[in-house]
């Protein structure tokens, strides 16, 4: 059983990995910084989205390649498993398998394992400083492009942000709502 540095705050991990300066967050750089390996697995059961396993003192993130076909969904699953690794795997040989329900913030609000991991993954892929800076840039660019109609729709704003951060639209909408940038 191998020990590793833990991170309770995704901001600290972003800084240590040198991945905190631009969107999208360089998830591959974080994976490398943590000495993890990502495997895209065509043989995973459909009930499993992703996993974190340990083999010979090395941690592996498994991504169900049959289900997580978009880059944004795969990135979110990788961030989720990094959350398990950082929050729950110090001095342990525990494995995690995650179904679609494990990524649902509302269903897992009272789950002391999954809810902190979900919050960690939001903070890792959509850090507050980058979301506010890039959000303001998108709004300013929109205003400059359309002087007759200087308001961007919430739908277009969420879409632009999710494309920039390479995360699913629904996850970006939740993040922007939680940060008070948009209303429900």
N, C-alpha and C. Protein backbone atom coordinates (compact mmCIF):
# COMPACT_ATOMS: atom_id res chain seq x y z
N UNK A 1 0.84 -1.17 0.00
CA UNK A 1 0.00 0.00 0.00
C UNK A 1 0.89 1.24 0.00
N UNK A 2 0.71 2.07 -0.97
CA UNK A 2 1.53 3.25 -1.19
C UNK A 2 0.81 4.50 -0.68
N UNK A 3 1.54 5.41 -0.05
CA UNK A 3 0.92 6.66 0.38
C UNK A 3 1.20 7.73 -0.67
N UNK A 4 0.36 8.73 -0.68
CA UNK A 4 0.52 9.83 -1.61
C UNK A 4 0.01 11.11 -0.96
N UNK A 5 0.35 12.23 -1.55
CA UNK A 5 -0.13 13.49 -1.03
C UNK A 5 -1.64 13.59 -1.27
N UNK A 6 -2.34 14.03 -0.26
CA UNK A 6 -3.78 14.21 -0.41
C UNK A 6 -4.09 15.68 -0.64
N UNK A 7 -5.22 15.90 -1.22
CA UNK A 7 -5.71 17.27 -1.46
C UNK A 7 -7.15 17.31 -1.03
N UNK A 8 -7.45 18.12 -0.03
CA UNK A 8 -8.83 18.31 0.39
C UNK A 8 -9.50 19.40 -0.42
N UNK A 9 -8.69 20.25 -1.03
CA UNK A 9 -9.19 21.38 -1.79
C UNK A 9 -8.67 21.28 -3.23
N UNK A 10 -9.56 21.27 -4.21
CA UNK A 10 -9.09 21.15 -5.60
C UNK A 10 -8.20 22.32 -6.03
N UNK A 11 -8.38 23.48 -5.42
CA UNK A 11 -7.55 24.63 -5.76
C UNK A 11 -6.07 24.34 -5.50
N UNK A 12 -5.77 23.68 -4.38
CA UNK A 12 -4.38 23.34 -4.06
C UNK A 12 -3.80 22.37 -5.09
N UNK A 13 -4.60 21.41 -5.51
CA UNK A 13 -4.15 20.47 -6.53
C UNK A 13 -3.90 21.19 -7.85
N UNK A 14 -4.80 22.07 -8.24
CA UNK A 14 -4.62 22.83 -9.48
C UNK A 14 -3.32 23.63 -9.47
N UNK A 15 -3.04 24.26 -8.36
CA UNK A 15 -1.82 25.06 -8.23
C UNK A 15 -0.59 24.16 -8.29
N UNK A 16 -0.58 23.08 -7.50
CA UNK A 16 0.58 22.18 -7.47
C UNK A 16 0.84 21.54 -8.83
N UNK A 17 -0.22 21.25 -9.57
CA UNK A 17 -0.08 20.62 -10.89
C UNK A 17 0.20 21.65 -11.99
N UNK A 18 0.10 22.93 -11.66
CA UNK A 18 0.30 23.97 -12.66
C UNK A 18 -0.82 24.01 -13.69
N UNK A 19 -2.04 23.71 -13.22
CA UNK A 19 -3.18 23.63 -14.14
C UNK A 19 -4.27 24.63 -13.79
N UNK A 20 -3.90 25.73 -13.14
CA UNK A 20 -4.89 26.66 -12.63
C UNK A 20 -5.00 27.96 -13.42
N UNK A 21 -4.34 28.05 -14.55
CA UNK A 21 -4.24 29.34 -15.25
C UNK A 21 -5.21 29.56 -16.40
N UNK A 22 -5.69 28.49 -17.02
CA UNK A 22 -6.54 28.69 -18.19
C UNK A 22 -7.58 27.60 -18.32
N UNK A 23 -8.62 27.92 -19.06
CA UNK A 23 -9.68 26.96 -19.35
C UNK A 23 -9.48 26.45 -20.77
N UNK A 24 -9.73 25.18 -21.00
CA UNK A 24 -10.14 24.20 -20.01
C UNK A 24 -8.98 23.76 -19.12
N UNK A 25 -9.32 23.36 -17.92
CA UNK A 25 -8.32 22.83 -17.00
C UNK A 25 -7.69 21.60 -17.65
N UNK A 26 -6.37 21.53 -17.58
CA UNK A 26 -5.62 20.43 -18.19
C UNK A 26 -5.70 19.20 -17.30
N UNK A 27 -6.73 18.39 -17.50
CA UNK A 27 -6.96 17.22 -16.66
C UNK A 27 -5.85 16.18 -16.83
N UNK A 28 -5.29 16.08 -18.04
CA UNK A 28 -4.20 15.13 -18.26
C UNK A 28 -2.97 15.52 -17.43
N UNK A 29 -2.73 16.79 -17.30
CA UNK A 29 -1.60 17.28 -16.48
C UNK A 29 -1.81 16.90 -15.01
N UNK A 30 -3.04 17.00 -14.56
CA UNK A 30 -3.36 16.64 -13.17
C UNK A 30 -3.19 15.14 -12.97
N UNK A 31 -3.68 14.36 -13.92
CA UNK A 31 -3.52 12.89 -13.85
C UNK A 31 -2.04 12.54 -13.75
N UNK A 32 -1.24 13.15 -14.58
CA UNK A 32 0.21 12.90 -14.58
C UNK A 32 0.84 13.35 -13.25
N UNK A 33 0.45 14.52 -12.77
CA UNK A 33 0.97 15.04 -11.50
C UNK A 33 0.70 14.06 -10.36
N UNK A 34 -0.45 13.43 -10.37
CA UNK A 34 -0.83 12.49 -9.32
C UNK A 34 -0.31 11.07 -9.57
N UNK A 35 0.34 10.87 -10.71
CA UNK A 35 0.88 9.55 -11.08
C UNK A 35 -0.24 8.51 -11.23
N UNK A 36 -1.33 8.95 -11.83
CA UNK A 36 -2.46 8.06 -12.12
C UNK A 36 -2.40 7.63 -13.58
N UNK A 37 -3.16 6.60 -13.90
CA UNK A 37 -3.27 6.13 -15.28
C UNK A 37 -4.75 6.07 -15.62
N UNK A 38 -5.11 6.60 -16.79
CA UNK A 38 -6.49 6.53 -17.26
C UNK A 38 -6.59 5.45 -18.32
N UNK A 39 -7.59 4.59 -18.15
CA UNK A 39 -7.86 3.54 -19.13
C UNK A 39 -9.29 3.70 -19.65
N UNK A 40 -9.44 3.69 -20.96
CA UNK A 40 -10.77 3.68 -21.57
C UNK A 40 -11.12 2.23 -21.83
N UNK A 41 -12.18 1.77 -21.18
CA UNK A 41 -12.50 0.34 -21.16
C UNK A 41 -13.81 0.08 -21.91
N UNK A 42 -13.73 -0.69 -22.98
CA UNK A 42 -14.93 -1.06 -23.75
C UNK A 42 -15.68 -2.22 -23.08
N UNK A 43 -15.05 -2.88 -22.11
CA UNK A 43 -15.66 -4.06 -21.50
C UNK A 43 -16.35 -3.82 -20.18
N UNK A 44 -16.45 -2.57 -19.74
CA UNK A 44 -17.13 -2.28 -18.48
C UNK A 44 -18.63 -2.52 -18.64
N UNK A 45 -19.26 -3.01 -17.58
CA UNK A 45 -20.72 -3.16 -17.64
C UNK A 45 -21.39 -1.79 -17.82
N UNK A 46 -22.52 -1.76 -18.47
CA UNK A 46 -23.23 -0.50 -18.72
C UNK A 46 -23.67 0.19 -17.43
N UNK A 47 -23.75 -0.54 -16.33
CA UNK A 47 -24.17 0.05 -15.06
C UNK A 47 -23.05 0.88 -14.42
N UNK A 48 -21.83 0.75 -14.92
CA UNK A 48 -20.70 1.47 -14.34
C UNK A 48 -20.21 2.53 -15.31
N UNK A 49 -20.08 3.76 -14.80
CA UNK A 49 -19.58 4.87 -15.62
C UNK A 49 -18.06 4.95 -15.55
N UNK A 50 -17.53 4.82 -14.33
CA UNK A 50 -16.09 4.95 -14.14
C UNK A 50 -15.68 4.24 -12.85
N UNK A 51 -14.37 4.09 -12.69
CA UNK A 51 -13.88 3.41 -11.50
C UNK A 51 -12.49 3.92 -11.14
N UNK A 52 -12.12 3.66 -9.92
CA UNK A 52 -10.76 3.91 -9.44
C UNK A 52 -10.30 2.62 -8.79
N UNK A 53 -9.26 2.04 -9.32
CA UNK A 53 -8.75 0.77 -8.80
C UNK A 53 -7.25 0.90 -8.52
N UNK A 54 -6.75 -0.03 -7.75
CA UNK A 54 -5.32 -0.07 -7.46
C UNK A 54 -4.79 -1.44 -7.84
N UNK A 55 -3.68 -1.43 -8.56
CA UNK A 55 -3.00 -2.66 -8.95
C UNK A 55 -1.51 -2.45 -8.77
N UNK A 56 -0.87 -3.32 -8.00
CA UNK A 56 0.57 -3.23 -7.76
C UNK A 56 0.99 -1.82 -7.33
N UNK A 57 0.29 -1.27 -6.35
CA UNK A 57 0.59 0.06 -5.80
C UNK A 57 0.41 1.20 -6.79
N UNK A 58 -0.35 0.99 -7.84
CA UNK A 58 -0.61 2.05 -8.84
C UNK A 58 -2.11 2.20 -8.99
N UNK A 59 -2.56 3.44 -9.02
CA UNK A 59 -3.99 3.71 -9.17
C UNK A 59 -4.35 3.91 -10.64
N UNK A 60 -5.49 3.33 -11.01
CA UNK A 60 -5.99 3.41 -12.38
C UNK A 60 -7.41 3.95 -12.37
N UNK A 61 -7.65 4.91 -13.26
CA UNK A 61 -9.00 5.42 -13.47
C UNK A 61 -9.55 4.71 -14.70
N UNK A 62 -10.66 4.02 -14.52
CA UNK A 62 -11.32 3.34 -15.63
C UNK A 62 -12.50 4.16 -16.11
N UNK A 63 -12.57 4.35 -17.41
CA UNK A 63 -13.67 5.11 -18.02
C UNK A 63 -14.44 4.16 -18.94
N UNK A 64 -15.74 4.08 -18.75
CA UNK A 64 -16.56 3.23 -19.60
C UNK A 64 -16.68 3.89 -20.98
N UNK A 65 -15.90 3.39 -21.92
CA UNK A 65 -15.84 3.99 -23.26
C UNK A 65 -17.13 3.79 -24.05
N UNK A 66 -17.97 2.84 -23.63
CA UNK A 66 -19.25 2.63 -24.31
C UNK A 66 -20.28 3.68 -23.94
N UNK A 67 -20.19 4.21 -22.73
CA UNK A 67 -21.17 5.17 -22.24
C UNK A 67 -20.65 6.60 -22.32
N UNK A 68 -19.42 6.81 -21.88
CA UNK A 68 -18.85 8.16 -21.81
C UNK A 68 -18.12 8.47 -23.11
N UNK A 69 -18.90 8.72 -24.14
CA UNK A 69 -18.33 8.93 -25.48
C UNK A 69 -17.90 10.37 -25.72
N UNK A 70 -18.50 11.33 -25.03
CA UNK A 70 -18.10 12.72 -25.24
C UNK A 70 -16.91 13.06 -24.35
N UNK A 71 -16.07 13.94 -24.86
CA UNK A 71 -14.90 14.36 -24.09
C UNK A 71 -15.31 15.03 -22.78
N UNK A 72 -16.37 15.82 -22.82
CA UNK A 72 -16.80 16.52 -21.61
C UNK A 72 -17.25 15.55 -20.52
N UNK A 73 -17.99 14.52 -20.89
CA UNK A 73 -18.43 13.53 -19.90
C UNK A 73 -17.26 12.72 -19.36
N UNK A 74 -16.34 12.35 -20.22
CA UNK A 74 -15.16 11.59 -19.79
C UNK A 74 -14.32 12.44 -18.84
N UNK A 75 -14.13 13.72 -19.15
CA UNK A 75 -13.36 14.61 -18.28
C UNK A 75 -14.01 14.73 -16.90
N UNK A 76 -15.33 14.80 -16.89
CA UNK A 76 -16.01 14.91 -15.60
C UNK A 76 -15.85 13.62 -14.79
N UNK A 77 -15.93 12.48 -15.46
CA UNK A 77 -15.73 11.20 -14.77
C UNK A 77 -14.30 11.07 -14.24
N UNK A 78 -13.32 11.51 -15.02
CA UNK A 78 -11.92 11.48 -14.56
C UNK A 78 -11.77 12.38 -13.33
N UNK A 79 -12.35 13.57 -13.37
CA UNK A 79 -12.29 14.49 -12.22
C UNK A 79 -12.96 13.87 -11.00
N UNK A 80 -14.05 13.15 -11.22
CA UNK A 80 -14.76 12.48 -10.13
C UNK A 80 -13.84 11.44 -9.47
N UNK A 81 -13.18 10.65 -10.28
CA UNK A 81 -12.29 9.61 -9.73
C UNK A 81 -11.06 10.24 -9.07
N UNK A 82 -10.58 11.35 -9.61
CA UNK A 82 -9.48 12.08 -8.94
C UNK A 82 -9.96 12.54 -7.57
N UNK A 83 -11.22 12.95 -7.47
CA UNK A 83 -11.79 13.32 -6.18
C UNK A 83 -11.75 12.17 -5.19
N UNK A 84 -12.13 10.97 -5.63
CA UNK A 84 -12.03 9.79 -4.75
C UNK A 84 -10.58 9.57 -4.31
N UNK A 85 -9.68 9.67 -5.28
CA UNK A 85 -8.27 9.45 -4.99
C UNK A 85 -7.76 10.46 -3.95
N UNK A 86 -8.06 11.71 -4.14
CA UNK A 86 -7.55 12.76 -3.24
C UNK A 86 -8.22 12.76 -1.88
N UNK A 87 -9.50 12.47 -1.84
CA UNK A 87 -10.24 12.57 -0.59
C UNK A 87 -10.31 11.27 0.21
N UNK A 88 -10.20 10.12 -0.47
CA UNK A 88 -10.49 8.86 0.22
C UNK A 88 -9.42 7.79 0.11
N UNK A 89 -8.32 8.06 -0.55
CA UNK A 89 -7.37 6.96 -0.81
C UNK A 89 -6.00 7.13 -0.16
N UNK A 90 -5.88 7.93 0.87
CA UNK A 90 -4.60 8.02 1.59
C UNK A 90 -4.44 6.76 2.43
N UNK A 91 -3.34 6.06 2.23
CA UNK A 91 -3.03 4.84 2.98
C UNK A 91 -4.14 3.79 2.86
N UNK A 92 -4.67 3.63 1.69
CA UNK A 92 -5.70 2.60 1.54
C UNK A 92 -5.55 1.89 0.22
N UNK A 93 -6.17 0.75 0.16
CA UNK A 93 -6.19 0.00 -1.10
C UNK A 93 -7.64 -0.18 -1.56
N UNK A 94 -8.43 0.84 -1.30
CA UNK A 94 -9.85 0.83 -1.61
C UNK A 94 -10.08 1.09 -3.10
N UNK A 95 -11.08 0.44 -3.64
CA UNK A 95 -11.49 0.66 -5.03
C UNK A 95 -12.87 1.31 -5.02
N UNK A 96 -13.15 2.09 -6.05
CA UNK A 96 -14.44 2.74 -6.19
C UNK A 96 -14.98 2.44 -7.57
N UNK A 97 -16.26 2.11 -7.64
CA UNK A 97 -16.93 2.00 -8.93
C UNK A 97 -18.12 2.94 -8.86
N UNK A 98 -18.31 3.70 -9.91
CA UNK A 98 -19.35 4.72 -9.90
C UNK A 98 -20.36 4.51 -11.01
N UNK A 99 -21.62 4.46 -10.59
CA UNK A 99 -22.73 4.41 -11.55
C UNK A 99 -23.14 5.84 -11.86
N UNK A 100 -24.07 5.99 -12.77
CA UNK A 100 -24.55 7.32 -13.14
C UNK A 100 -25.10 8.06 -11.92
N UNK A 101 -25.75 7.34 -11.03
CA UNK A 101 -26.33 7.95 -9.83
C UNK A 101 -25.26 8.58 -8.94
N UNK A 102 -24.06 8.05 -8.95
CA UNK A 102 -22.99 8.58 -8.11
C UNK A 102 -22.55 9.98 -8.54
N UNK A 103 -22.92 10.41 -9.74
CA UNK A 103 -22.56 11.73 -10.24
C UNK A 103 -23.67 12.75 -9.99
N UNK A 104 -24.79 12.30 -9.44
CA UNK A 104 -25.95 13.16 -9.23
C UNK A 104 -25.86 13.86 -7.89
N UNK A 105 -25.68 15.17 -7.94
CA UNK A 105 -25.50 15.97 -6.74
C UNK A 105 -26.71 15.91 -5.81
N UNK A 106 -27.90 15.96 -6.36
CA UNK A 106 -29.11 15.97 -5.54
C UNK A 106 -29.32 14.63 -4.85
N UNK A 107 -29.19 13.54 -5.58
CA UNK A 107 -29.38 12.21 -5.01
C UNK A 107 -28.33 11.87 -3.95
N UNK A 108 -27.17 12.50 -4.03
CA UNK A 108 -26.07 12.16 -3.12
C UNK A 108 -25.80 13.22 -2.07
N UNK A 109 -26.73 14.14 -1.88
CA UNK A 109 -26.50 15.24 -0.95
C UNK A 109 -26.10 14.74 0.44
N UNK A 110 -26.70 13.67 0.90
CA UNK A 110 -26.41 13.15 2.24
C UNK A 110 -25.37 12.03 2.22
N UNK A 111 -24.85 11.71 1.07
CA UNK A 111 -23.85 10.65 0.96
C UNK A 111 -22.47 11.22 1.30
N UNK A 112 -21.90 10.79 2.41
CA UNK A 112 -20.64 11.37 2.90
C UNK A 112 -19.43 10.97 2.07
N UNK A 113 -19.56 10.01 1.20
CA UNK A 113 -18.47 9.64 0.29
C UNK A 113 -18.63 10.40 -1.04
N UNK A 114 -19.78 10.28 -1.67
CA UNK A 114 -19.96 10.82 -3.02
C UNK A 114 -20.14 12.33 -3.09
N UNK A 115 -20.87 12.93 -2.15
CA UNK A 115 -21.13 14.37 -2.25
C UNK A 115 -19.85 15.20 -2.22
N UNK A 116 -18.93 14.95 -1.28
CA UNK A 116 -17.67 15.71 -1.32
C UNK A 116 -16.88 15.49 -2.61
N UNK A 117 -16.96 14.30 -3.17
CA UNK A 117 -16.26 14.00 -4.44
C UNK A 117 -16.89 14.80 -5.58
N UNK A 118 -18.20 14.89 -5.59
CA UNK A 118 -18.89 15.67 -6.62
C UNK A 118 -18.47 17.13 -6.53
N UNK A 119 -18.46 17.68 -5.32
CA UNK A 119 -18.04 19.08 -5.14
C UNK A 119 -16.57 19.27 -5.55
N UNK A 120 -15.73 18.30 -5.23
CA UNK A 120 -14.31 18.36 -5.61
C UNK A 120 -14.18 18.40 -7.12
N UNK A 121 -14.94 17.56 -7.82
CA UNK A 121 -14.84 17.52 -9.28
C UNK A 121 -15.31 18.83 -9.92
N UNK A 122 -16.34 19.45 -9.34
CA UNK A 122 -16.78 20.77 -9.84
C UNK A 122 -15.66 21.79 -9.67
N UNK A 123 -15.05 21.80 -8.49
CA UNK A 123 -13.98 22.75 -8.21
C UNK A 123 -12.73 22.50 -9.04
N UNK A 124 -12.49 21.26 -9.38
CA UNK A 124 -11.32 20.91 -10.17
C UNK A 124 -11.47 21.35 -11.62
N UNK A 125 -12.60 21.06 -12.23
CA UNK A 125 -12.80 21.38 -13.65
C UNK A 125 -13.31 22.80 -13.88
N UNK A 126 -13.95 23.37 -12.86
CA UNK A 126 -14.54 24.70 -12.99
C UNK A 126 -14.18 25.55 -11.77
N UNK A 127 -12.89 25.85 -11.59
CA UNK A 127 -12.50 26.63 -10.41
C UNK A 127 -13.10 28.03 -10.45
N UNK A 128 -13.45 28.53 -9.28
CA UNK A 128 -14.14 29.81 -9.16
C UNK A 128 -13.42 30.92 -9.92
N UNK A 129 -12.12 31.03 -9.74
CA UNK A 129 -11.38 32.14 -10.36
C UNK A 129 -11.46 32.09 -11.88
N UNK A 130 -11.35 30.90 -12.46
CA UNK A 130 -11.44 30.78 -13.92
C UNK A 130 -12.87 30.99 -14.41
N UNK A 131 -13.84 30.46 -13.68
CA UNK A 131 -15.24 30.61 -14.09
C UNK A 131 -15.63 32.09 -14.09
N UNK A 132 -15.26 32.82 -13.06
CA UNK A 132 -15.63 34.24 -13.02
C UNK A 132 -14.88 35.04 -14.08
N UNK A 133 -13.59 34.77 -14.25
CA UNK A 133 -12.81 35.51 -15.25
C UNK A 133 -13.30 35.23 -16.66
N UNK A 134 -13.45 33.96 -16.99
CA UNK A 134 -13.87 33.59 -18.35
C UNK A 134 -15.33 33.94 -18.60
N UNK A 135 -16.15 33.85 -17.58
CA UNK A 135 -17.55 34.25 -17.73
C UNK A 135 -17.66 35.73 -18.07
N UNK A 136 -16.89 36.54 -17.37
CA UNK A 136 -16.90 37.98 -17.65
C UNK A 136 -16.38 38.25 -19.06
N UNK A 137 -15.36 37.51 -19.48
CA UNK A 137 -14.82 37.69 -20.84
C UNK A 137 -15.86 37.35 -21.89
N UNK A 138 -16.59 36.27 -21.70
CA UNK A 138 -17.63 35.86 -22.65
C UNK A 138 -18.72 36.93 -22.73
N UNK A 139 -19.13 37.45 -21.58
CA UNK A 139 -20.15 38.51 -21.57
C UNK A 139 -19.63 39.76 -22.27
N UNK A 140 -18.41 40.16 -21.97
CA UNK A 140 -17.83 41.35 -22.61
C UNK A 140 -17.70 41.18 -24.12
N UNK A 141 -17.27 39.99 -24.55
CA UNK A 141 -17.16 39.72 -25.99
C UNK A 141 -18.52 39.77 -26.66
N UNK A 142 -19.53 39.23 -26.01
CA UNK A 142 -20.88 39.24 -26.56
C UNK A 142 -21.39 40.67 -26.70
N UNK A 143 -21.17 41.49 -25.66
CA UNK A 143 -21.61 42.89 -25.71
C UNK A 143 -20.91 43.65 -26.84
N UNK A 144 -19.63 43.38 -27.03
CA UNK A 144 -18.86 44.06 -28.08
C UNK A 144 -19.33 43.64 -29.47
N UNK A 145 -19.77 42.38 -29.59
CA UNK A 145 -20.21 41.87 -30.90
C UNK A 145 -21.62 42.29 -31.28
N UNK A 146 -22.46 42.55 -30.27
CA UNK A 146 -23.86 42.86 -30.56
C UNK A 146 -24.30 44.09 -29.74
N UNK A 147 -23.94 45.26 -30.22
CA UNK A 147 -24.24 46.50 -29.50
C UNK A 147 -25.74 46.79 -29.43
N UNK A 148 -26.51 46.26 -30.39
CA UNK A 148 -27.96 46.48 -30.39
C UNK A 148 -28.67 45.62 -29.35
N UNK A 149 -28.07 44.50 -28.98
CA UNK A 149 -28.67 43.58 -28.02
C UNK A 149 -27.57 43.09 -27.07
N UNK A 150 -27.22 43.91 -26.07
CA UNK A 150 -26.05 43.59 -25.24
C UNK A 150 -26.27 42.52 -24.17
N UNK A 151 -27.36 41.76 -24.25
CA UNK A 151 -27.60 40.71 -23.27
C UNK A 151 -27.48 39.34 -23.94
N UNK A 152 -26.74 38.47 -23.30
CA UNK A 152 -26.61 37.09 -23.77
C UNK A 152 -27.64 36.25 -23.02
N UNK A 153 -28.25 35.32 -23.70
CA UNK A 153 -29.22 34.46 -23.02
C UNK A 153 -28.49 33.51 -22.07
N UNK A 154 -29.19 33.08 -21.05
CA UNK A 154 -28.62 32.13 -20.08
C UNK A 154 -28.20 30.86 -20.82
N UNK A 155 -29.06 30.40 -21.72
CA UNK A 155 -28.75 29.17 -22.48
C UNK A 155 -27.46 29.31 -23.27
N UNK A 156 -27.31 30.44 -23.97
CA UNK A 156 -26.09 30.66 -24.76
C UNK A 156 -24.86 30.83 -23.87
N UNK A 157 -25.05 31.49 -22.72
CA UNK A 157 -23.95 31.69 -21.79
C UNK A 157 -23.47 30.35 -21.23
N UNK A 158 -24.41 29.51 -20.78
CA UNK A 158 -24.06 28.19 -20.24
C UNK A 158 -23.39 27.35 -21.32
N UNK A 159 -23.93 27.39 -22.52
CA UNK A 159 -23.36 26.63 -23.62
C UNK A 159 -21.93 27.09 -23.93
N UNK A 160 -21.72 28.40 -23.98
CA UNK A 160 -20.37 28.93 -24.25
C UNK A 160 -19.40 28.53 -23.16
N UNK A 161 -19.84 28.61 -21.92
CA UNK A 161 -18.98 28.25 -20.79
C UNK A 161 -18.67 26.75 -20.78
N UNK A 162 -19.68 25.93 -21.05
CA UNK A 162 -19.43 24.47 -21.03
C UNK A 162 -18.49 24.07 -22.16
N UNK A 163 -18.62 24.72 -23.31
CA UNK A 163 -17.69 24.44 -24.42
C UNK A 163 -16.27 24.87 -24.06
N UNK A 164 -16.13 26.03 -23.45
CA UNK A 164 -14.82 26.53 -23.08
C UNK A 164 -14.15 25.64 -22.03
N UNK A 165 -14.91 25.21 -21.05
CA UNK A 165 -14.36 24.38 -19.96
C UNK A 165 -14.39 22.89 -20.28
N UNK A 166 -15.00 22.52 -21.39
CA UNK A 166 -15.15 21.13 -21.83
C UNK A 166 -15.76 20.28 -20.70
N UNK A 167 -16.94 20.70 -20.30
CA UNK A 167 -17.73 19.99 -19.29
C UNK A 167 -19.17 19.89 -19.81
N UNK A 168 -19.93 18.93 -19.32
CA UNK A 168 -21.33 18.83 -19.75
C UNK A 168 -22.12 20.09 -19.39
N UNK A 169 -23.06 20.45 -20.25
CA UNK A 169 -23.91 21.63 -20.04
C UNK A 169 -24.59 21.62 -18.67
N UNK A 170 -25.15 20.46 -18.29
CA UNK A 170 -25.87 20.40 -17.01
C UNK A 170 -24.94 20.65 -15.83
N UNK A 171 -23.70 20.20 -15.91
CA UNK A 171 -22.73 20.42 -14.82
C UNK A 171 -22.33 21.90 -14.77
N UNK A 172 -22.16 22.52 -15.92
CA UNK A 172 -21.82 23.95 -15.93
C UNK A 172 -22.98 24.77 -15.39
N UNK A 173 -24.19 24.43 -15.76
CA UNK A 173 -25.37 25.15 -15.26
C UNK A 173 -25.43 25.07 -13.73
N UNK A 174 -25.20 23.89 -13.19
CA UNK A 174 -25.21 23.71 -11.74
C UNK A 174 -24.12 24.56 -11.10
N UNK A 175 -22.91 24.54 -11.68
CA UNK A 175 -21.80 25.31 -11.11
C UNK A 175 -22.10 26.81 -11.13
N UNK A 176 -22.59 27.31 -12.24
CA UNK A 176 -22.90 28.73 -12.36
C UNK A 176 -24.01 29.13 -11.40
N UNK A 177 -24.98 28.25 -11.19
CA UNK A 177 -26.07 28.52 -10.24
C UNK A 177 -25.53 28.55 -8.83
N UNK A 178 -24.74 27.55 -8.46
CA UNK A 178 -24.18 27.48 -7.10
C UNK A 178 -23.30 28.69 -6.80
N UNK A 179 -22.60 29.20 -7.81
CA UNK A 179 -21.74 30.37 -7.60
C UNK A 179 -22.51 31.68 -7.63
N UNK A 180 -23.82 31.60 -7.93
CA UNK A 180 -24.66 32.80 -7.96
C UNK A 180 -24.49 33.63 -9.21
N UNK A 181 -23.88 33.05 -10.23
CA UNK A 181 -23.65 33.77 -11.49
C UNK A 181 -24.91 33.79 -12.33
N UNK A 182 -25.68 32.70 -12.28
CA UNK A 182 -26.99 32.66 -12.93
C UNK A 182 -28.01 32.21 -11.90
N UNK A 183 -29.28 32.47 -12.20
CA UNK A 183 -30.36 32.01 -11.31
C UNK A 183 -30.97 30.75 -11.87
N UNK A 184 -31.60 29.99 -11.00
CA UNK A 184 -32.22 28.73 -11.40
C UNK A 184 -33.25 28.92 -12.49
